[in-house]
Amino acid sequence: MLAGYGYGKQKFQTEARVVGREKVRVPAGVFDTMHVQATGQKSMGSDLIRINCNYWYSPESMRAVKMSLEVKYSNSSFTPNPESYELVSFELGR
């Protein structure tokens, strides 16, 4: 679900695929990950909205340790505002 830019909350159907395995360094440490790309698009009025999400999933921590999201609008004057997130700390449960 994506919210913002005057369209309210919207659901997108996405296609996701594993594009490879990567070692990723984030503030929480170094993790062996699966790099996953998810893409989708949706028509909203005269706009075609495309989303591209990349995330790096660590089986060791059972969570995404890094993510980036970009939303593009075909016809509107909205400037894309990419977002990114990184895991800052992590401890294995006991």
Protein backbone atom coordinates (compact mmCIF):
# COMPACT_ATOMS: atom_id res chain seq x y z
CA MET A 1 0.00 0.00 0.00
CA LEU A 2 1.32 3.40 -0.97
CA ALA A 3 0.03 6.76 0.24
CA GLY A 4 0.64 10.32 -0.79
CA TYR A 5 0.55 12.94 -3.51
CA GLY A 6 -3.20 13.48 -3.47
CA TYR A 7 -4.22 9.93 -4.34
CA GLY A 8 -4.69 8.70 -0.76
CA LYS A 9 -3.74 5.11 0.09
CA GLN A 10 -3.49 2.87 -2.95
CA LYS A 11 -2.83 -0.84 -3.38
CA PHE A 12 -0.38 -1.93 -6.05
CA GLN A 13 0.04 -5.37 -7.52
CA THR A 14 3.76 -5.98 -7.83
CA GLU A 15 6.03 -8.56 -9.35
CA ALA A 16 9.03 -9.56 -7.25
CA ARG A 17 12.10 -11.54 -8.16
CA VAL A 18 15.37 -12.47 -6.51
CA VAL A 19 18.14 -10.90 -8.57
CA GLY A 20 21.05 -12.36 -6.64
CA ARG A 21 22.83 -12.93 -3.39
CA GLU A 22 24.86 -10.09 -1.93
CA LYS A 23 26.88 -9.33 1.16
CA VAL A 24 25.50 -6.02 2.54
CA ARG A 25 27.08 -3.71 5.09
CA VAL A 26 24.65 -1.58 7.16
CA PRO A 27 25.07 0.11 10.56
CA ALA A 28 23.89 -3.14 12.25
CA GLY A 29 26.72 -5.13 10.64
CA VAL A 30 27.46 -7.24 7.57
CA PHE A 31 24.81 -9.67 6.35
CA ASP A 32 24.55 -12.30 3.61
CA THR A 33 21.36 -11.34 1.79
CA MET A 34 19.05 -12.08 -1.10
CA HIS A 35 18.55 -8.96 -3.23
CA VAL A 36 14.88 -8.75 -4.22
CA GLN A 37 13.42 -6.32 -6.77
CA ALA A 38 9.69 -5.60 -6.75
CA THR A 39 8.08 -3.49 -9.46
CA GLY A 40 4.53 -2.44 -10.20
CA GLN A 41 2.44 0.18 -11.92
CA LYS A 42 -1.07 1.55 -11.71
CA SER A 43 -3.09 4.06 -13.72
CA MET A 44 -4.62 6.88 -11.67
CA GLY A 45 -6.57 9.31 -13.82
CA SER A 46 -4.13 10.57 -16.45
CA ASP A 47 -1.11 9.46 -14.40
CA LEU A 48 0.74 6.18 -14.72
CA ILE A 49 2.43 5.53 -11.38
CA ARG A 50 5.41 3.17 -11.31
CA ILE A 51 7.03 1.84 -8.18
CA ASN A 52 10.42 0.21 -7.85
CA CYS A 53 11.39 -1.35 -4.53
CA ASN A 54 14.70 -3.06 -3.85
CA TYR A 55 15.28 -4.86 -0.61
CA TRP A 56 17.98 -7.05 0.81
CA TYR A 57 16.59 -9.88 2.94
CA SER A 58 18.84 -11.63 5.46
CA PRO A 59 17.79 -15.20 6.34
CA GLU A 60 20.07 -14.94 9.42
CA SER A 61 18.12 -12.03 10.91
CA MET A 62 14.81 -13.02 9.23
CA ARG A 63 14.22 -9.44 8.06
CA ALA A 64 15.12 -6.95 5.38
CA VAL A 65 18.32 -5.20 6.40
CA LYS A 66 18.19 -2.59 3.65
CA MET A 67 15.46 -1.18 1.40
CA SER A 68 15.08 1.49 -1.27
CA LEU A 69 11.82 2.72 -2.77
CA GLU A 70 11.24 5.00 -5.76
CA VAL A 71 7.87 6.17 -7.07
CA LYS A 72 7.59 7.78 -10.52
CA TYR A 73 4.62 9.67 -11.95
CA SER A 74 4.23 9.95 -15.74
CA ASN A 75 2.06 13.06 -16.10
CA SER A 76 2.03 14.95 -12.84
CA SER A 77 4.32 17.64 -11.56
CA PHE A 78 5.28 15.59 -8.49
CA THR A 79 9.02 15.16 -8.12
CA PRO A 80 10.03 11.62 -7.16
CA ASN A 81 11.30 11.45 -3.60
CA PRO A 82 13.29 8.20 -3.22
CA GLU A 83 13.39 6.61 0.23
CA SER A 84 15.95 4.25 1.73
CA TYR A 85 16.20 2.37 4.99
CA GLU A 86 18.99 0.43 6.71
CA LEU A 87 18.96 -1.77 9.81
CA VAL A 88 20.73 0.12 12.60
CA SER A 89 20.95 -2.61 15.26
CA PHE A 90 20.13 -6.28 15.63
CA GLU A 91 20.45 -8.96 18.30
CA LEU A 92 19.62 -12.63 17.93
CA GLY A 93 16.81 -13.76 20.22
CA ARG A 94 17.65 -16.15 23.01
